[in-house]
Amino acid sequence: MPADATKAAAVDRRAETDQRIEIFLGHLLRLGVVVAALVVITGGVLYLKGAPSTIPNYKDFHGQPEALRSVPAIVQGSADFQPLAVIQFGLILLIATPVARVFFSIIGFAMERDWLYIVVTIIVLALLLHSLVGDVRILFNR
């Protein structure tokens, strides 16, 4: 096989791999958003179903309850079908969707052996995780 034909075949395989990775990442983002939306809607329905009939007072600001300030508490509250915790869990899923995309992009670049993009994407993932988590003690409310 001539050298030009070999190079052309390698370029075609790489383009096919790129396209498969892009399709997978597109499905991942779509699925993440749909699942997050369904979880938030479920939490909203649970909230409206059990909401008191009093008129909320928006004059004074009230922060989130202590139980909704850490990921383990939100997961536990979601497992117990507490409406606000279910809504918070849906928002966590929504935030996690693009982070998962960056993570799977690293895997895709590794499959292509594109070392520069692997390094850049790992840096992006590290910055994302640092900005989301920051101090790990906040995550677990310690």
Foldseek 3Di string as FASTA:
>chain_A
DDPVVVVVVVVVVLVVLVVVLVVVLVVLLVVLLVVLVVLLVLLVVLCVVPPDPDDDDPPDDDDDPPLQQADVSLVVCVVVSNSVSSNSVSVVSNLCSVLVSLVVVLVSCVVVVVVVSNVVSVVVSVVSCCVVCVDVCRNVVD
